[in-house]
Amino acid sequence: MTLKPFGGSGNELEWIKSSYSSDDGPSCVEVAVIPDHILIRDSKTPRGARLTLTPTAWATFLPYASGN
């Protein structure tokens, strides 16, 4: 999975949209980094629930998400 920036405005979190998402196609996941945590959300429902992972848990999860 490759990540690409997803623009925001103001003091909002900077969410990064997966490259598997496109403006024309299916939505996917977005992540934002805050100190000591990685936030994950569904790009179709940006105001919905968020999953919060530690950097260690994120690193463990990535190989499964990317299919590598």
PDB file of N, CA and C in Angstrom:
ATOM      1  N   MET A   1       0.851  -1.167   0.000  1.00  0.00           N
ATOM      2  CA  MET A   1       0.000   0.000   0.000  1.00  0.00           C
ATOM      3  C   MET A   1       0.897   1.229   0.000  1.00  0.00           C
ATOM      4  N   THR A   2       0.647   2.122  -0.920  1.00  0.00           N
ATOM      5  CA  THR A   2       1.347   3.392  -0.975  1.00  0.00           C
ATOM      6  C   THR A   2       0.377   4.468  -0.518  1.00  0.00           C
ATOM      7  N   LEU A   3       0.873   5.447   0.204  1.00  0.00           N
ATOM      8  CA  LEU A   3       0.011   6.501   0.709  1.00  0.00           C
ATOM      9  C   LEU A   3       0.222   7.777  -0.072  1.00  0.00           C
ATOM     10  N   LYS A   4      -0.856   8.523  -0.282  1.00  0.00           N
ATOM     11  CA  LYS A   4      -0.754   9.824  -0.948  1.00  0.00           C
ATOM     12  C   LYS A   4      -1.477  10.853  -0.104  1.00  0.00           C
ATOM     13  N   PRO A   5      -0.960  12.089  -0.049  1.00  0.00           N
ATOM     14  CA  PRO A   5      -1.586  13.109   0.801  1.00  0.00           C
ATOM     15  C   PRO A   5      -3.024  13.394   0.392  1.00  0.00           C
ATOM     16  N   PHE A   6      -3.834  13.652   1.381  1.00  0.00           N
ATOM     17  CA  PHE A   6      -5.220  14.055   1.168  1.00  0.00           C
ATOM     18  C   PHE A   6      -5.389  15.402   1.844  1.00  0.00           C
ATOM     19  N   GLY A   7      -5.631  16.436   1.066  1.00  0.00           N
ATOM     20  CA  GLY A   7      -5.653  17.790   1.599  1.00  0.00           C
ATOM     21  C   GLY A   7      -6.737  18.036   2.619  1.00  0.00           C
ATOM     22  N   GLY A   8      -6.407  18.854   3.584  1.00  0.00           N
ATOM     23  CA  GLY A   8      -7.358  19.277   4.593  1.00  0.00           C
ATOM     24  C   GLY A   8      -7.249  20.787   4.725  1.00  0.00           C
ATOM     25  N   SER A   9      -7.909  21.335   5.697  1.00  0.00           N
ATOM     26  CA  SER A   9      -7.829  22.778   5.883  1.00  0.00           C
ATOM     27  C   SER A   9      -7.717  23.096   7.355  1.00  0.00           C
ATOM     28  N   GLY A  10      -7.186  24.245   7.671  1.00  0.00           N
ATOM     29  CA  GLY A  10      -7.123  24.703   9.048  1.00  0.00           C
ATOM     30  C   GLY A  10      -6.210  23.848   9.897  1.00  0.00           C
ATOM     31  N   ASN A  11      -6.599  23.676  11.155  1.00  0.00           N
ATOM     32  CA  ASN A  11      -5.802  22.925  12.110  1.00  0.00           C
ATOM     33  C   ASN A  11      -6.197  21.454  12.181  1.00  0.00           C
ATOM     34  N   GLU A  12      -6.875  20.963  11.186  1.00  0.00           N
ATOM     35  CA  GLU A  12      -7.309  19.578  11.167  1.00  0.00           C
ATOM     36  C   GLU A  12      -6.099  18.654  11.050  1.00  0.00           C
ATOM     37  N   LEU A  13      -6.324  17.401  11.371  1.00  0.00           N
ATOM     38  CA  LEU A  13      -5.285  16.407  11.163  1.00  0.00           C
ATOM     39  C   LEU A  13      -4.970  16.309   9.678  1.00  0.00           C
ATOM     40  N   GLU A  14      -3.742  15.963   9.364  1.00  0.00           N
ATOM     41  CA  GLU A  14      -3.382  15.739   7.964  1.00  0.00           C
ATOM     42  C   GLU A  14      -3.580  14.260   7.665  1.00  0.00           C
ATOM     43  N   TRP A  15      -4.668  13.968   6.976  1.00  0.00           N
ATOM     44  CA  TRP A  15      -4.993  12.587   6.626  1.00  0.00           C
ATOM     45  C   TRP A  15      -4.303  12.222   5.324  1.00  0.00           C
ATOM     46  N   ILE A  16      -3.806  11.008   5.247  1.00  0.00           N
ATOM     47  CA  ILE A  16      -3.134  10.497   4.052  1.00  0.00           C
ATOM     48  C   ILE A  16      -3.982   9.359   3.520  1.00  0.00           C
ATOM     49  N   LYS A  17      -4.401   9.503   2.267  1.00  0.00           N
ATOM     50  CA  LYS A  17      -5.284   8.512   1.649  1.00  0.00           C
ATOM     51  C   LYS A  17      -4.446   7.447   0.949  1.00  0.00           C
ATOM     52  N   SER A  18      -4.851   6.221   1.067  1.00  0.00           N
ATOM     53  CA  SER A  18      -4.179   5.117   0.400  1.00  0.00           C
ATOM     54  C   SER A  18      -4.199   5.327  -1.108  1.00  0.00           C
ATOM     55  N   SER A  19      -3.127   4.911  -1.771  1.00  0.00           N
ATOM     56  CA  SER A  19      -3.076   5.018  -3.227  1.00  0.00           C
ATOM     57  C   SER A  19      -4.073   4.071  -3.892  1.00  0.00           C
ATOM     58  N   TYR A  20      -4.630   3.124  -3.151  1.00  0.00           N
ATOM     59  CA  TYR A  20      -5.668   2.261  -3.688  1.00  0.00           C
ATOM     60  C   TYR A  20      -6.979   3.015  -3.858  1.00  0.00           C
ATOM     61  N   SER A  21      -7.087   4.166  -3.227  1.00  0.00           N
ATOM     62  CA  SER A  21      -8.257   5.024  -3.392  1.00  0.00           C
ATOM     63  C   SER A  21      -7.994   5.958  -4.564  1.00  0.00           C
ATOM     64  N   SER A  22      -9.045   6.359  -5.228  1.00  0.00           N
ATOM     65  CA  SER A  22      -8.906   7.337  -6.305  1.00  0.00           C
ATOM     66  C   SER A  22     -10.088   8.282  -6.253  1.00  0.00           C
ATOM     67  N   ASP A  23      -9.961   9.403  -6.939  1.00  0.00           N
ATOM     68  CA  ASP A  23     -11.063  10.360  -6.973  1.00  0.00           C
ATOM     69  C   ASP A  23     -12.266   9.787  -7.704  1.00  0.00           C
ATOM     70  N   ASP A  24     -12.013   8.856  -8.650  1.00  0.00           N
ATOM     71  CA  ASP A  24     -13.081   8.298  -9.464  1.00  0.00           C
ATOM     72  C   ASP A  24     -13.549   6.926  -8.996  1.00  0.00           C
ATOM     73  N   GLY A  25     -12.695   6.239  -8.245  1.00  0.00           N
ATOM     74  CA  GLY A  25     -12.986   4.852  -7.930  1.00  0.00           C
ATOM     75  C   GLY A  25     -13.333   4.618  -6.487  1.00  0.00           C
ATOM     76  N   PRO A  26     -13.085   3.398  -6.069  1.00  0.00           N
ATOM     77  CA  PRO A  26     -13.489   3.029  -4.714  1.00  0.00           C
ATOM     78  C   PRO A  26     -12.698   3.797  -3.659  1.00  0.00           C
ATOM     79  N   SER A  27     -13.360   4.092  -2.581  1.00  0.00           N
ATOM     80  CA  SER A  27     -12.684   4.716  -1.458  1.00  0.00           C
ATOM     81  C   SER A  27     -12.022   3.628  -0.638  1.00  0.00           C
ATOM     82  N   CYS A  28     -11.115   4.044   0.191  1.00  0.00           N
ATOM     83  CA  CYS A  28     -10.342   3.061   0.929  1.00  0.00           C
ATOM     84  C   CYS A  28     -10.120   3.576   2.344  1.00  0.00           C
ATOM     85  N   VAL A  29      -8.892   3.550   2.793  1.00  0.00           N
ATOM     86  CA  VAL A  29      -8.578   4.010   4.137  1.00  0.00           C
ATOM     87  C   VAL A  29      -7.697   5.242   4.086  1.00  0.00           C
ATOM     88  N   GLU A  30      -7.722   5.993   5.179  1.00  0.00           N
ATOM     89  CA  GLU A  30      -6.853   7.143   5.360  1.00  0.00           C
ATOM     90  C   GLU A  30      -6.194   7.006   6.719  1.00  0.00           C
ATOM     91  N   VAL A  31      -4.977   7.505   6.829  1.00  0.00           N
ATOM     92  CA  VAL A  31      -4.280   7.493   8.107  1.00  0.00           C
ATOM     93  C   VAL A  31      -3.797   8.890   8.436  1.00  0.00           C
ATOM     94  N   ALA A  32      -3.675   9.164   9.723  1.00  0.00           N
ATOM     95  CA  ALA A  32      -3.094  10.417  10.210  1.00  0.00           C
ATOM     96  C   ALA A  32      -2.157  10.043  11.356  1.00  0.00           C
ATOM     97  N   VAL A  33      -1.072  10.782  11.454  1.00  0.00           N
ATOM     98  CA  VAL A  33      -0.088  10.507  12.499  1.00  0.00           C
ATOM     99  C   VAL A  33      -0.162  11.611  13.545  1.00  0.00           C
ATOM    100  N   ILE A  34      -0.289  11.198  14.786  1.00  0.00           N
ATOM    101  CA  ILE A  34      -0.216  12.116  15.919  1.00  0.00           C
ATOM    102  C   ILE A  34       0.892  11.578  16.817  1.00  0.00           C
ATOM    103  N   PRO A  35       1.379  12.357  17.751  1.00  0.00           N
ATOM    104  CA  PRO A  35       2.446  11.843  18.604  1.00  0.00           C
ATOM    105  C   PRO A  35       2.062  10.505  19.259  1.00  0.00           C
ATOM    106  N   ASP A  36       2.869   9.515  19.031  1.00  0.00           N
ATOM    107  CA  ASP A  36       2.739   8.186  19.632  1.00  0.00           C
ATOM    108  C   ASP A  36       1.561   7.352  19.150  1.00  0.00           C
ATOM    109  N   HIS A  37       0.847   7.768  18.103  1.00  0.00           N
ATOM    110  CA  HIS A  37      -0.276   6.978  17.597  1.00  0.00           C
ATOM    111  C   HIS A  37      -0.474   7.190  16.100  1.00  0.00           C
ATOM    112  N   ILE A  38      -1.080   6.200  15.486  1.00  0.00           N
ATOM    113  CA  ILE A  38      -1.512   6.261  14.086  1.00  0.00           C
ATOM    114  C   ILE A  38      -3.026   6.125  14.107  1.00  0.00           C
ATOM    115  N   LEU A  39      -3.719   7.070  13.480  1.00  0.00           N
ATOM    116  CA  LEU A  39      -5.183   7.020  13.390  1.00  0.00           C
ATOM    117  C   LEU A  39      -5.564   6.485  12.017  1.00  0.00           C
ATOM    118  N   ILE A  40      -6.578   5.645  11.963  1.00  0.00           N
ATOM    119  CA  ILE A  40      -7.042   5.049  10.713  1.00  0.00           C
ATOM    120  C   ILE A  40      -8.543   5.275  10.617  1.00  0.00           C
ATOM    121  N   ARG A  41      -9.010   5.665   9.430  1.00  0.00           N
ATOM    122  CA  ARG A  41     -10.447   5.846   9.227  1.00  0.00           C
ATOM    123  C   ARG A  41     -10.831   5.406   7.823  1.00  0.00           C
ATOM    124  N   ASP A  42     -12.116   5.178   7.628  1.00  0.00           N
ATOM    125  CA  ASP A  42     -12.683   4.850   6.320  1.00  0.00           C
ATOM    126  C   ASP A  42     -12.856   6.161   5.563  1.00  0.00           C
ATOM    127  N   SER A  43     -12.287   6.264   4.382  1.00  0.00           N
ATOM    128  CA  SER A  43     -12.360   7.520   3.634  1.00  0.00           C
ATOM    129  C   SER A  43     -13.778   7.840   3.167  1.00  0.00           C
ATOM    130  N   LYS A  44     -14.671   6.847   3.151  1.00  0.00           N
ATOM    131  CA  LYS A  44     -16.064   7.100   2.762  1.00  0.00           C
ATOM    132  C   LYS A  44     -16.849   7.773   3.888  1.00  0.00           C
ATOM    133  N   THR A  45     -16.398   7.575   5.125  1.00  0.00           N
ATOM    134  CA  THR A  45     -17.070   8.169   6.285  1.00  0.00           C
ATOM    135  C   THR A  45     -16.037   8.862   7.168  1.00  0.00           C
ATOM    136  N   PRO A  46     -15.509   9.999   6.711  1.00  0.00           N
ATOM    137  CA  PRO A  46     -14.431  10.654   7.444  1.00  0.00           C
ATOM    138  C   PRO A  46     -14.787  11.105   8.852  1.00  0.00           C
ATOM    139  N   ARG A  47     -16.057  11.280   9.153  1.00  0.00           N
ATOM    140  CA  ARG A  47     -16.452  11.678  10.507  1.00  0.00           C
ATOM    141  C   ARG A  47     -16.860  10.472  11.353  1.00  0.00           C
ATOM    142  N   GLY A  48     -16.674   9.285  10.804  1.00  0.00           N
ATOM    143  CA  GLY A  48     -17.040   8.067  11.520  1.00  0.00           C
ATOM    144  C   GLY A  48     -15.972   7.630  12.504  1.00  0.00           C
ATOM    145  N   ALA A  49     -16.067   6.400  12.912  1.00  0.00           N
ATOM    146  CA  ALA A  49     -15.155   5.830  13.900  1.00  0.00           C
ATOM    147  C   ALA A  49     -13.719   5.798  13.374  1.00  0.00           C
ATOM    148  N   ARG A  50     -12.791   5.878  14.305  1.00  0.00           N
ATOM    149  CA  ARG A  50     -11.369   5.810  13.981  1.00  0.00           C
ATOM    150  C   ARG A  50     -10.726   4.705  14.800  1.00  0.00           C
ATOM    151  N   LEU A  51      -9.793   4.044  14.185  1.00  0.00           N
ATOM    152  CA  LEU A  51      -8.993   3.053  14.868  1.00  0.00           C
ATOM    153  C   LEU A  51      -7.680   3.723  15.249  1.00  0.00           C
ATOM    154  N   THR A  52      -7.222   3.527  16.469  1.00  0.00           N
ATOM    155  CA  THR A  52      -5.977   4.127  16.933  1.00  0.00           C
ATOM    156  C   THR A  52      -4.988   3.018  17.242  1.00  0.00           C
ATOM    157  N   LEU A  53      -3.805   3.093  16.620  1.00  0.00           N
ATOM    158  CA  LEU A  53      -2.761   2.095  16.832  1.00  0.00           C
ATOM    159  C   LEU A  53      -1.482   2.752  17.318  1.00  0.00           C
ATOM    160  N   THR A  54      -0.703   2.010  18.085  1.00  0.00           N
ATOM    161  CA  THR A  54       0.640   2.470  18.426  1.00  0.00           C
ATOM    162  C   THR A  54       1.525   2.269  17.200  1.00  0.00           C
ATOM    163  N   PRO A  55       2.649   2.953  17.112  1.00  0.00           N
ATOM    164  CA  PRO A  55       3.550   2.727  15.975  1.00  0.00           C
ATOM    165  C   PRO A  55       3.986   1.261  15.840  1.00  0.00           C
ATOM    166  N   THR A  56       4.176   0.567  16.954  1.00  0.00           N
ATOM    167  CA  THR A  56       4.551  -0.848  16.901  1.00  0.00           C
ATOM    168  C   THR A  56       3.433  -1.693  16.304  1.00  0.00           C
ATOM    169  N   ALA A  57       2.199  -1.452  16.727  1.00  0.00           N
ATOM    170  CA  ALA A  57       1.060  -2.188  16.175  1.00  0.00           C
ATOM    171  C   ALA A  57       0.879  -1.870  14.692  1.00  0.00           C
ATOM    172  N   TRP A  58       1.072  -0.621  14.302  1.00  0.00           N
ATOM    173  CA  TRP A  58       0.973  -0.207  12.896  1.00  0.00           C
ATOM    174  C   TRP A  58       2.001  -0.959  12.056  1.00  0.00           C
ATOM    175  N   ALA A  59       3.243  -1.013  12.531  1.00  0.00           N
ATOM    176  CA  ALA A  59       4.315  -1.703  11.795  1.00  0.00           C
ATOM    177  C   ALA A  59       4.001  -3.192  11.652  1.00  0.00           C
ATOM    178  N   THR A  60       3.389  -3.783  12.667  1.00  0.00           N
ATOM    179  CA  THR A  60       2.995  -5.186  12.601  1.00  0.00           C
ATOM    180  C   THR A  60       1.850  -5.399  11.610  1.00  0.00           C
ATOM    181  N   PHE A  61       0.926  -4.447  11.556  1.00  0.00           N
ATOM    182  CA  PHE A  61      -0.262  -4.529  10.689  1.00  0.00           C
ATOM    183  C   PHE A  61       0.064  -4.341   9.205  1.00  0.00           C
ATOM    184  N   LEU A  62       1.003  -3.454   8.882  1.00  0.00           N
ATOM    185  CA  LEU A  62       1.254  -3.084   7.483  1.00  0.00           C
ATOM    186  C   LEU A  62       1.506  -4.244   6.527  1.00  0.00           C
ATOM    187  N   PRO A  63       2.321  -5.226   6.851  1.00  0.00           N
ATOM    188  CA  PRO A  63       2.525  -6.322   5.887  1.00  0.00           C
ATOM    189  C   PRO A  63       1.231  -7.046   5.524  1.00  0.00           C
ATOM    190  N   TYR A  64       0.296  -7.125   6.449  1.00  0.00           N
ATOM    191  CA  TYR A  64      -0.988  -7.779   6.176  1.00  0.00           C
ATOM    192  C   TYR A  64      -1.881  -6.904   5.309  1.00  0.00           C
ATOM    193  N   ALA A  65      -1.815  -5.598   5.497  1.00  0.00           N
ATOM    194  CA  ALA A  65      -2.627  -4.665   4.720  1.00  0.00           C
ATOM    195  C   ALA A  65      -2.125  -4.544   3.294  1.00  0.00           C
ATOM    196  N   SER A  66      -0.825  -4.613   3.106  1.00  0.00           N
ATOM    197  CA  SER A  66      -0.264  -4.405   1.779  1.00  0.00           C
ATOM    198  C   SER A  66      -0.178  -5.685   0.971  1.00  0.00           C
ATOM    199  N   GLY A  67      -0.395  -6.808   1.605  1.00  0.00           N
ATOM    200  CA  GLY A  67      -0.343  -8.080   0.888  1.00  0.00           C
ATOM    201  C   GLY A  67       1.064  -8.558   0.623  1.00  0.00           C
ATOM    202  N   ASN A  68       2.055  -7.940   1.249  1.00  0.00           N
ATOM    203  CA  ASN A  68       3.459  -8.356   1.061  1.00  0.00           C
ATOM    204  C   ASN A  68       3.881  -9.383   2.080  1.00  0.00           C
TER     205      ASN A  68
END
